[in-house]
Amino acid sequence: MSVQLHIPDSVARAIRLPEERIAQELLEELAIALYAQGILSFGKARELAGMGKFEFGQLLGKRGIPRHYGREELEDDLKYARGK
């Protein structure tokens, strides 16, 4: 399943970023917001943002967003530690 969002031209033009950065910045912002609200796990949020674990964790830290650490995150960390 793939989801497309329509952003009106007037809103896209109002975003104060270079055009080539808009899509990535919006994905990062969406990932941060969904993670902060508990809608996405850390792994899925970082996937949406297109970032690695360390990079996404740093971004959350800069924003003052606490890391949620549940069973899914523990399993991801264990898989990572085992080299999978």
PDB file of N, CA and C in Angstrom:
ATOM      1  N   MET A   1       0.842  -1.178   0.000  1.00  0.00           N
ATOM      2  CA  MET A   1       0.000   0.000   0.000  1.00  0.00           C
ATOM      3  C   MET A   1       0.885   1.238   0.000  1.00  0.00           C
ATOM      4  N   SER A   2       0.509   2.188  -0.782  1.00  0.00           N
ATOM      5  CA  SER A   2       1.229   3.449  -0.866  1.00  0.00           C
ATOM      6  C   SER A   2       0.220   4.577  -0.671  1.00  0.00           C
ATOM      7  N   VAL A   3       0.636   5.613   0.018  1.00  0.00           N
ATOM      8  CA  VAL A   3      -0.245   6.752   0.277  1.00  0.00           C
ATOM      9  C   VAL A   3       0.385   7.998  -0.348  1.00  0.00           C
ATOM     10  N   GLN A   4      -0.420   8.745  -1.042  1.00  0.00           N
ATOM     11  CA  GLN A   4       0.034  10.010  -1.595  1.00  0.00           C
ATOM     12  C   GLN A   4      -0.725  11.130  -0.916  1.00  0.00           C
ATOM     13  N   LEU A   5      -0.021  12.186  -0.572  1.00  0.00           N
ATOM     14  CA  LEU A   5      -0.646  13.355   0.027  1.00  0.00           C
ATOM     15  C   LEU A   5      -0.633  14.493  -0.979  1.00  0.00           C
ATOM     16  N   HIS A   6      -1.714  15.225  -1.024  1.00  0.00           N
ATOM     17  CA  HIS A   6      -1.781  16.386  -1.902  1.00  0.00           C
ATOM     18  C   HIS A   6      -1.573  17.629  -1.045  1.00  0.00           C
ATOM     19  N   ILE A   7      -0.564  18.385  -1.393  1.00  0.00           N
ATOM     20  CA  ILE A   7      -0.298  19.649  -0.710  1.00  0.00           C
ATOM     21  C   ILE A   7      -0.598  20.749  -1.712  1.00  0.00           C
ATOM     22  N   PRO A   8      -1.538  21.615  -1.380  1.00  0.00           N
ATOM     23  CA  PRO A   8      -1.886  22.690  -2.314  1.00  0.00           C
ATOM     24  C   PRO A   8      -0.651  23.512  -2.709  1.00  0.00           C
ATOM     25  N   ASP A   9      -0.625  23.958  -3.950  1.00  0.00           N
ATOM     26  CA  ASP A   9       0.498  24.753  -4.452  1.00  0.00           C
ATOM     27  C   ASP A   9       0.778  25.963  -3.570  1.00  0.00           C
ATOM     28  N   SER A  10      -0.273  26.606  -3.096  1.00  0.00           N
ATOM     29  CA  SER A  10      -0.067  27.802  -2.275  1.00  0.00           C
ATOM     30  C   SER A  10       0.676  27.455  -0.981  1.00  0.00           C
ATOM     31  N   VAL A  11       0.404  26.281  -0.430  1.00  0.00           N
ATOM     32  CA  VAL A  11       1.100  25.850   0.790  1.00  0.00           C
ATOM     33  C   VAL A  11       2.538  25.458   0.451  1.00  0.00           C
ATOM     34  N   ALA A  12       2.717  24.703  -0.614  1.00  0.00           N
ATOM     35  CA  ALA A  12       4.067  24.280  -1.015  1.00  0.00           C
ATOM     36  C   ALA A  12       4.961  25.488  -1.287  1.00  0.00           C
ATOM     37  N   ARG A  13       4.422  26.511  -1.935  1.00  0.00           N
ATOM     38  CA  ARG A  13       5.204  27.718  -2.214  1.00  0.00           C
ATOM     39  C   ARG A  13       5.528  28.482  -0.936  1.00  0.00           C
ATOM     40  N   ALA A  14       4.696  28.332   0.084  1.00  0.00           N
ATOM     41  CA  ALA A  14       4.908  29.055   1.346  1.00  0.00           C
ATOM     42  C   ALA A  14       5.949  28.387   2.243  1.00  0.00           C
ATOM     43  N   ILE A  15       6.319  27.162   1.947  1.00  0.00           N
ATOM     44  CA  ILE A  15       7.322  26.458   2.756  1.00  0.00           C
ATOM     45  C   ILE A  15       8.678  27.101   2.495  1.00  0.00           C
ATOM     46  N   ARG A  16       9.304  27.545   3.556  1.00  0.00           N
ATOM     47  CA  ARG A  16      10.560  28.296   3.435  1.00  0.00           C
ATOM     48  C   ARG A  16      11.772  27.366   3.398  1.00  0.00           C
ATOM     49  N   LEU A  17      11.814  26.578   2.362  1.00  0.00           N
ATOM     50  CA  LEU A  17      12.931  25.665   2.125  1.00  0.00           C
ATOM     51  C   LEU A  17      13.217  25.627   0.636  1.00  0.00           C
ATOM     52  N   PRO A  18      14.457  25.283   0.266  1.00  0.00           N
ATOM     53  CA  PRO A  18      14.721  25.073  -1.160  1.00  0.00           C
ATOM     54  C   PRO A  18      13.823  23.944  -1.677  1.00  0.00           C
ATOM     55  N   GLU A  19      13.351  24.079  -2.886  1.00  0.00           N
ATOM     56  CA  GLU A  19      12.401  23.125  -3.458  1.00  0.00           C
ATOM     57  C   GLU A  19      12.885  21.680  -3.378  1.00  0.00           C
ATOM     58  N   GLU A  20      14.183  21.467  -3.579  1.00  0.00           N
ATOM     59  CA  GLU A  20      14.705  20.099  -3.571  1.00  0.00           C
ATOM     60  C   GLU A  20      14.713  19.461  -2.182  1.00  0.00           C
ATOM     61  N   ARG A  21      14.526  20.253  -1.130  1.00  0.00           N
ATOM     62  CA  ARG A  21      14.504  19.706   0.234  1.00  0.00           C
ATOM     63  C   ARG A  21      13.103  19.510   0.802  1.00  0.00           C
ATOM     64  N   ILE A  22      12.098  20.043   0.163  1.00  0.00           N
ATOM     65  CA  ILE A  22      10.747  20.041   0.720  1.00  0.00           C
ATOM     66  C   ILE A  22      10.231  18.635   0.993  1.00  0.00           C
ATOM     67  N   ALA A  23      10.291  17.738   0.029  1.00  0.00           N
ATOM     68  CA  ALA A  23       9.725  16.396   0.202  1.00  0.00           C
ATOM     69  C   ALA A  23      10.388  15.670   1.373  1.00  0.00           C
ATOM     70  N   GLN A  24      11.720  15.712   1.449  1.00  0.00           N
ATOM     71  CA  GLN A  24      12.422  15.022   2.526  1.00  0.00           C
ATOM     72  C   GLN A  24      12.100  15.638   3.886  1.00  0.00           C
ATOM     73  N   GLU A  25      12.075  16.937   3.961  1.00  0.00           N
ATOM     74  CA  GLU A  25      11.771  17.620   5.231  1.00  0.00           C
ATOM     75  C   GLU A  25      10.357  17.289   5.702  1.00  0.00           C
ATOM     76  N   LEU A  26       9.408  17.236   4.779  1.00  0.00           N
ATOM     77  CA  LEU A  26       8.034  16.905   5.151  1.00  0.00           C
ATOM     78  C   LEU A  26       7.936  15.464   5.650  1.00  0.00           C
ATOM     79  N   LEU A  27       8.665  14.550   5.008  1.00  0.00           N
ATOM     80  CA  LEU A  27       8.669  13.163   5.477  1.00  0.00           C
ATOM     81  C   LEU A  27       9.258  13.060   6.881  1.00  0.00           C
ATOM     82  N   GLU A  28      10.337  13.795   7.128  1.00  0.00           N
ATOM     83  CA  GLU A  28      10.938  13.792   8.465  1.00  0.00           C
ATOM     84  C   GLU A  28       9.976  14.348   9.505  1.00  0.00           C
ATOM     85  N   GLU A  29       9.325  15.458   9.180  1.00  0.00           N
ATOM     86  CA  GLU A  29       8.382  16.061  10.119  1.00  0.00           C
ATOM     87  C   GLU A  29       7.210  15.124  10.408  1.00  0.00           C
ATOM     88  N   LEU A  30       6.721  14.461   9.378  1.00  0.00           N
ATOM     89  CA  LEU A  30       5.623  13.515   9.554  1.00  0.00           C
ATOM     90  C   LEU A  30       6.071  12.344  10.429  1.00  0.00           C
ATOM     91  N   ALA A  31       7.264  11.837  10.161  1.00  0.00           N
ATOM     92  CA  ALA A  31       7.795  10.724  10.950  1.00  0.00           C
ATOM     93  C   ALA A  31       7.934  11.105  12.421  1.00  0.00           C
ATOM     94  N   ILE A  32       8.466  12.288  12.681  1.00  0.00           N
ATOM     95  CA  ILE A  32       8.638  12.761  14.061  1.00  0.00           C
ATOM     96  C   ILE A  32       7.284  12.882  14.754  1.00  0.00           C
ATOM     97  N   ALA A  33       6.333  13.493  14.078  1.00  0.00           N
ATOM     98  CA  ALA A  33       5.007  13.703  14.681  1.00  0.00           C
ATOM     99  C   ALA A  33       4.312  12.379  14.971  1.00  0.00           C
ATOM    100  N   LEU A  34       4.357  11.447  14.030  1.00  0.00           N
ATOM    101  CA  LEU A  34       3.689  10.160  14.232  1.00  0.00           C
ATOM    102  C   LEU A  34       4.368   9.351  15.335  1.00  0.00           C
ATOM    103  N   TYR A  35       5.697   9.441  15.419  1.00  0.00           N
ATOM    104  CA  TYR A  35       6.412   8.751  16.487  1.00  0.00           C
ATOM    105  C   TYR A  35       6.074   9.366  17.847  1.00  0.00           C
ATOM    106  N   ALA A  36       6.095  10.685  17.923  1.00  0.00           N
ATOM    107  CA  ALA A  36       5.824  11.381  19.185  1.00  0.00           C
ATOM    108  C   ALA A  36       4.430  11.054  19.717  1.00  0.00           C
ATOM    109  N   GLN A  37       3.491  10.836  18.817  1.00  0.00           N
ATOM    110  CA  GLN A  37       2.118  10.525  19.220  1.00  0.00           C
ATOM    111  C   GLN A  37       1.900   9.034  19.469  1.00  0.00           C
ATOM    112  N   GLY A  38       2.938   8.228  19.252  1.00  0.00           N
ATOM    113  CA  GLY A  38       2.811   6.790  19.467  1.00  0.00           C
ATOM    114  C   GLY A  38       2.098   6.065  18.338  1.00  0.00           C
ATOM    115  N   ILE A  39       1.969   6.714  17.200  1.00  0.00           N
ATOM    116  CA  ILE A  39       1.277   6.121  16.054  1.00  0.00           C
ATOM    117  C   ILE A  39       2.216   5.199  15.275  1.00  0.00           C
ATOM    118  N   LEU A  40       3.503   5.560  15.218  1.00  0.00           N
ATOM    119  CA  LEU A  40       4.506   4.733  14.557  1.00  0.00           C
ATOM    120  C   LEU A  40       5.585   4.343  15.556  1.00  0.00           C
ATOM    121  N   SER A  41       6.127   3.148  15.378  1.00  0.00           N
ATOM    122  CA  SER A  41       7.266   2.717  16.189  1.00  0.00           C
ATOM    123  C   SER A  41       8.504   3.493  15.732  1.00  0.00           C
ATOM    124  N   PHE A  42       9.549   3.403  16.522  1.00  0.00           N
ATOM    125  CA  PHE A  42      10.812   4.051  16.178  1.00  0.00           C
ATOM    126  C   PHE A  42      11.310   3.551  14.823  1.00  0.00           C
ATOM    127  N   GLY A  43      11.287   2.240  14.631  1.00  0.00           N
ATOM    128  CA  GLY A  43      11.782   1.654  13.391  1.00  0.00           C
ATOM    129  C   GLY A  43      11.016   2.119  12.171  1.00  0.00           C
ATOM    130  N   LYS A  44       9.714   2.151  12.271  1.00  0.00           N
ATOM    131  CA  LYS A  44       8.898   2.574  11.124  1.00  0.00           C
ATOM    132  C   LYS A  44       9.002   4.077  10.903  1.00  0.00           C
ATOM    133  N   ALA A  45       9.114   4.847  11.979  1.00  0.00           N
ATOM    134  CA  ALA A  45       9.253   6.294  11.837  1.00  0.00           C
ATOM    135  C   ALA A  45      10.576   6.635  11.155  1.00  0.00           C
ATOM    136  N   ARG A  46      11.648   5.962  11.565  1.00  0.00           N
ATOM    137  CA  ARG A  46      12.943   6.241  10.928  1.00  0.00           C
ATOM    138  C   ARG A  46      12.943   5.778   9.477  1.00  0.00           C
ATOM    139  N   GLU A  47      12.210   4.704   9.183  1.00  0.00           N
ATOM    140  CA  GLU A  47      12.076   4.244   7.795  1.00  0.00           C
ATOM    141  C   GLU A  47      11.358   5.304   6.961  1.00  0.00           C
ATOM    142  N   LEU A  48      10.284   5.857   7.506  1.00  0.00           N
ATOM    143  CA  LEU A  48       9.544   6.912   6.815  1.00  0.00           C
ATOM    144  C   LEU A  48      10.430   8.131   6.580  1.00  0.00           C
ATOM    145  N   ALA A  49      11.251   8.457   7.566  1.00  0.00           N
ATOM    146  CA  ALA A  49      12.141   9.614   7.453  1.00  0.00           C
ATOM    147  C   ALA A  49      13.346   9.328   6.562  1.00  0.00           C
ATOM    148  N   GLY A  50      13.574   8.048   6.247  1.00  0.00           N
ATOM    149  CA  GLY A  50      14.719   7.687   5.426  1.00  0.00           C
ATOM    150  C   GLY A  50      16.040   7.846   6.163  1.00  0.00           C
ATOM    151  N   MET A  51      16.022   7.530   7.472  1.00  0.00           N
ATOM    152  CA  MET A  51      17.209   7.719   8.303  1.00  0.00           C
ATOM    153  C   MET A  51      17.604   6.430   9.001  1.00  0.00           C
ATOM    154  N   GLY A  52      18.856   6.375   9.413  1.00  0.00           N
ATOM    155  CA  GLY A  52      19.330   5.275  10.224  1.00  0.00           C
ATOM    156  C   GLY A  52      18.916   5.468  11.676  1.00  0.00           C
ATOM    157  N   LYS A  53      19.152   4.428  12.480  1.00  0.00           N
ATOM    158  CA  LYS A  53      18.775   4.488  13.896  1.00  0.00           C
ATOM    159  C   LYS A  53      19.427   5.655  14.619  1.00  0.00           C
ATOM    160  N   PHE A  54      20.736   5.773  14.475  1.00  0.00           N
ATOM    161  CA  PHE A  54      21.469   6.801  15.190  1.00  0.00           C
ATOM    162  C   PHE A  54      21.011   8.194  14.769  1.00  0.00           C
ATOM    163  N   GLU A  55      20.907   8.396  13.456  1.00  0.00           N
ATOM    164  CA  GLU A  55      20.523   9.702  12.913  1.00  0.00           C
ATOM    165  C   GLU A  55      19.117  10.111  13.377  1.00  0.00           C
ATOM    166  N   PHE A  56      18.162   9.171  13.323  1.00  0.00           N
ATOM    167  CA  PHE A  56      16.800   9.496  13.743  1.00  0.00           C
ATOM    168  C   PHE A  56      16.754   9.727  15.256  1.00  0.00           C
ATOM    169  N   GLY A  57      17.493   8.933  16.004  1.00  0.00           N
ATOM    170  CA  GLY A  57      17.559   9.131  17.454  1.00  0.00           C
ATOM    171  C   GLY A  57      18.109  10.503  17.813  1.00  0.00           C
ATOM    172  N   GLN A  58      19.133  10.944  17.070  1.00  0.00           N
ATOM    173  CA  GLN A  58      19.685  12.280  17.297  1.00  0.00           C
ATOM    174  C   GLN A  58      18.660  13.368  16.984  1.00  0.00           C
ATOM    175  N   LEU A  59      17.919  13.180  15.908  1.00  0.00           N
ATOM    176  CA  LEU A  59      16.898  14.152  15.526  1.00  0.00           C
ATOM    177  C   LEU A  59      15.833  14.264  16.613  1.00  0.00           C
ATOM    178  N   LEU A  60      15.400  13.116  17.143  1.00  0.00           N
ATOM    179  CA  LEU A  60      14.421  13.148  18.232  1.00  0.00           C
ATOM    180  C   LEU A  60      14.992  13.876  19.445  1.00  0.00           C
ATOM    181  N   GLY A  61      16.257  13.604  19.759  1.00  0.00           N
ATOM    182  CA  GLY A  61      16.897  14.263  20.893  1.00  0.00           C
ATOM    183  C   GLY A  61      16.953  15.767  20.728  1.00  0.00           C
ATOM    184  N   LYS A  62      17.289  16.221  19.516  1.00  0.00           N
ATOM    185  CA  LYS A  62      17.341  17.657  19.242  1.00  0.00           C
ATOM    186  C   LYS A  62      15.979  18.307  19.436  1.00  0.00           C
ATOM    187  N   ARG A  63      14.926  17.552  19.157  1.00  0.00           N
ATOM    188  CA  ARG A  63      13.560  18.064  19.283  1.00  0.00           C
ATOM    189  C   ARG A  63      12.996  17.878  20.693  1.00  0.00           C
ATOM    190  N   GLY A  64      13.751  17.197  21.562  1.00  0.00           N
ATOM    191  CA  GLY A  64      13.284  16.972  22.930  1.00  0.00           C
ATOM    192  C   GLY A  64      12.181  15.938  23.011  1.00  0.00           C
ATOM    193  N   ILE A  65      12.141  15.020  22.055  1.00  0.00           N
ATOM    194  CA  ILE A  65      11.113  13.981  22.029  1.00  0.00           C
ATOM    195  C   ILE A  65      11.682  12.728  22.672  1.00  0.00           C
ATOM    196  N   PRO A  66      11.073  12.276  23.776  1.00  0.00           N
ATOM    197  CA  PRO A  66      11.603  11.086  24.451  1.00  0.00           C
ATOM    198  C   PRO A  66      11.427   9.833  23.598  1.00  0.00           C
ATOM    199  N   ARG A  67      12.383   8.942  23.735  1.00  0.00           N
ATOM    200  CA  ARG A  67      12.345   7.684  22.990  1.00  0.00           C
ATOM    201  C   ARG A  67      11.405   6.724  23.687  1.00  0.00           C
ATOM    202  N   HIS A  68      10.453   6.184  22.945  1.00  0.00           N
ATOM    203  CA  HIS A  68       9.559   5.148  23.451  1.00  0.00           C
ATOM    204  C   HIS A  68      10.316   3.838  23.276  1.00  0.00           C
ATOM    205  N   TYR A  69      10.283   3.016  24.259  1.00  0.00           N
ATOM    206  CA  TYR A  69      11.024   1.767  24.146  1.00  0.00           C
ATOM    207  C   TYR A  69      10.127   0.635  24.588  1.00  0.00           C
ATOM    208  N   GLY A  70       9.577  -0.060  23.625  1.00  0.00           N
ATOM    209  CA  GLY A  70       8.664  -1.157  23.900  1.00  0.00           C
ATOM    210  C   GLY A  70       9.206  -2.465  23.362  1.00  0.00           C
ATOM    211  N   ARG A  71       8.360  -3.448  23.343  1.00  0.00           N
ATOM    212  CA  ARG A  71       8.752  -4.789  22.915  1.00  0.00           C
ATOM    213  C   ARG A  71       9.293  -4.800  21.479  1.00  0.00           C
ATOM    214  N   GLU A  72       8.618  -4.083  20.593  1.00  0.00           N
ATOM    215  CA  GLU A  72       9.049  -4.060  19.191  1.00  0.00           C
ATOM    216  C   GLU A  72      10.453  -3.471  19.063  1.00  0.00           C
ATOM    217  N   GLU A  73      10.727  -2.403  19.796  1.00  0.00           N
ATOM    218  CA  GLU A  73      12.049  -1.795  19.752  1.00  0.00           C
ATOM    219  C   GLU A  73      13.105  -2.728  20.345  1.00  0.00           C
ATOM    220  N   LEU A  74      12.745  -3.420  21.415  1.00  0.00           N
ATOM    221  CA  LEU A  74      13.666  -4.389  22.013  1.00  0.00           C
ATOM    222  C   LEU A  74      14.000  -5.490  21.005  1.00  0.00           C
ATOM    223  N   GLU A  75      12.989  -6.007  20.333  1.00  0.00           N
ATOM    224  CA  GLU A  75      13.220  -7.054  19.334  1.00  0.00           C
ATOM    225  C   GLU A  75      14.088  -6.546  18.186  1.00  0.00           C
ATOM    226  N   ASP A  76      13.845  -5.312  17.739  1.00  0.00           N
ATOM    227  CA  ASP A  76      14.674  -4.720  16.687  1.00  0.00           C
ATOM    228  C   ASP A  76      16.123  -4.606  17.148  1.00  0.00           C
ATOM    229  N   ASP A  77      16.326  -4.148  18.378  1.00  0.00           N
ATOM    230  CA  ASP A  77      17.684  -4.006  18.902  1.00  0.00           C
ATOM    231  C   ASP A  77      18.374  -5.355  19.048  1.00  0.00           C
ATOM    232  N   LEU A  78      17.634  -6.364  19.470  1.00  0.00           N
ATOM    233  CA  LEU A  78      18.220  -7.697  19.596  1.00  0.00           C
ATOM    234  C   LEU A  78      18.611  -8.255  18.232  1.00  0.00           C
ATOM    235  N   LYS A  79      17.757  -8.060  17.226  1.00  0.00           N
ATOM    236  CA  LYS A  79      18.093  -8.495  15.863  1.00  0.00           C
ATOM    237  C   LYS A  79      19.347  -7.772  15.377  1.00  0.00           C
ATOM    238  N   TYR A  80      19.406  -6.479  15.636  1.00  0.00           N
ATOM    239  CA  TYR A  80      20.561  -5.686  15.216  1.00  0.00           C
ATOM    240  C   TYR A  80      21.835  -6.194  15.902  1.00  0.00           C
ATOM    241  N   ALA A  81      21.728  -6.468  17.187  1.00  0.00           N
ATOM    242  CA  ALA A  81      22.891  -6.943  17.956  1.00  0.00           C
ATOM    243  C   ALA A  81      23.368  -8.308  17.448  1.00  0.00           C
ATOM    244  N   ARG A  82      22.447  -9.111  16.949  1.00  0.00           N
ATOM    245  CA  ARG A  82      22.789 -10.432  16.429  1.00  0.00           C
ATOM    246  C   ARG A  82      23.281 -10.368  14.984  1.00  0.00           C
ATOM    247  N   GLY A  83      23.276  -9.169  14.410  1.00  0.00           N
ATOM    248  CA  GLY A  83      23.752  -8.998  13.043  1.00  0.00           C
ATOM    249  C   GLY A  83      22.749  -9.362  11.976  1.00  0.00           C
ATOM    250  N   LYS A  84      21.470  -9.315  12.317  1.00  0.00           N
ATOM    251  CA  LYS A  84      20.429  -9.688  11.336  1.00  0.00           C
ATOM    252  C   LYS A  84      19.797  -8.464  10.726  1.00  0.00           C
TER     253      LYS A  84
END
